[in-house]
Amino acid sequence: MIGGLGFLGGGAILKTKGTVRGMVTAASVWSAGAIGMAAAHSQWEVATVLSALNFFTLRYGGKVKRAVGHDGGEDDDRPHCD
């Protein structure tokens, strides 16, 4: 199960011309797997907390990234992910 999630997440990551895309998608695949496993083991509190964390991260993560000034522009020499 875990290996399959890693394989699917790894397939979502693309590297082109010094940029990496799909990291958020790959992390979401892992998160969905963890939520599913928690639910399968009747750990409803864990599944609920993970779902809320995943939602807020995906919903507001981009805004936080822009607010701290990490836009990944051309003159930004730091590695960045989209």
Protein backbone atom coordinates (compact mmCIF):
# COMPACT_ATOMS: atom_id res chain seq x y z
CA MET A 1 0.00 0.00 0.00
CA ILE A 2 2.65 2.53 1.03
CA GLY A 3 4.87 1.64 -1.93
CA GLY A 4 1.96 2.13 -4.31
CA LEU A 5 1.25 5.58 -2.89
CA GLY A 6 4.89 6.52 -3.27
CA PHE A 7 4.85 5.31 -6.87
CA LEU A 8 1.71 7.33 -7.68
CA GLY A 9 3.05 10.42 -5.92
CA GLY A 10 6.39 10.10 -7.67
CA GLY A 11 4.61 9.98 -11.01
CA ALA A 12 3.02 13.34 -10.28
CA ILE A 13 6.39 15.10 -9.89
CA LEU A 14 7.82 16.67 -13.04
CA LYS A 15 11.19 18.41 -13.39
CA THR A 16 11.76 20.80 -16.27
CA LYS A 17 14.31 23.57 -16.80
CA GLY A 18 15.28 23.92 -13.16
CA THR A 19 11.73 23.87 -11.78
CA VAL A 20 9.88 21.09 -10.05
CA ARG A 21 6.14 20.77 -10.44
CA GLY A 22 3.68 18.43 -8.78
CA MET A 23 5.09 18.32 -5.26
CA VAL A 24 1.78 19.43 -3.76
CA THR A 25 -0.06 16.78 -5.75
CA ALA A 26 2.36 14.10 -4.58
CA ALA A 27 1.99 15.20 -0.96
CA SER A 28 -1.79 15.16 -1.36
CA VAL A 29 -1.65 11.55 -2.56
CA TRP A 30 0.27 10.59 0.59
CA SER A 31 -2.15 12.57 2.75
CA ALA A 32 -5.18 10.92 1.15
CA GLY A 33 -3.61 7.52 1.79
CA ALA A 34 -3.02 8.37 5.44
CA ILE A 35 -6.60 9.59 5.80
CA GLY A 36 -7.88 6.40 4.19
CA MET A 37 -5.79 4.18 6.44
CA ALA A 38 -6.93 6.07 9.54
CA ALA A 39 -10.55 5.68 8.48
CA ALA A 40 -10.06 1.99 7.70
CA HIS A 41 -8.82 1.46 11.26
CA SER A 42 -11.74 3.47 12.72
CA GLN A 43 -9.43 6.26 13.86
CA TRP A 44 -11.99 8.95 13.09
CA GLU A 45 -10.27 11.67 15.09
CA VAL A 46 -7.01 11.17 13.21
CA ALA A 47 -8.80 11.08 9.86
CA THR A 48 -10.69 14.28 10.71
CA VAL A 49 -7.58 16.17 11.83
CA LEU A 50 -5.60 15.04 8.77
CA SER A 51 -8.48 16.03 6.49
CA ALA A 52 -8.66 19.49 8.07
CA LEU A 53 -4.89 19.98 7.86
CA ASN A 54 -4.88 18.87 4.23
CA PHE A 55 -7.76 21.20 3.36
CA PHE A 56 -6.24 24.27 5.01
CA THR A 57 -2.79 23.56 3.57
CA LEU A 58 -4.12 23.21 0.04
CA ARG A 59 -6.52 26.13 0.39
CA TYR A 60 -4.20 28.69 2.02
CA GLY A 61 -0.68 27.38 1.31
CA GLY A 62 -0.33 29.36 -1.92
CA LYS A 63 -1.38 32.56 -0.20
CA VAL A 64 1.16 32.01 2.58
CA LYS A 65 3.85 31.26 0.00
CA ARG A 66 3.14 34.54 -1.80
CA ALA A 67 2.92 36.47 1.49
CA VAL A 68 6.43 35.43 2.53
CA GLY A 69 7.77 36.44 -0.88
CA HIS A 70 8.73 33.05 -2.28
CA ASP A 71 7.23 33.40 -5.73
CA GLY A 72 9.96 31.48 -7.57
CA GLY A 73 10.58 34.26 -10.07
CA GLU A 74 13.39 34.30 -12.61
CA ASP A 75 15.78 36.30 -10.40
CA ASP A 76 15.08 34.05 -7.41
CA ASP A 77 18.04 31.66 -7.12
CA ARG A 78 16.43 29.52 -4.41
CA PRO A 79 15.05 26.16 -5.50
CA HIS A 80 11.29 26.29 -5.81
CA CYS A 81 8.35 23.99 -6.31
CA ASP A 82 5.00 24.70 -7.98
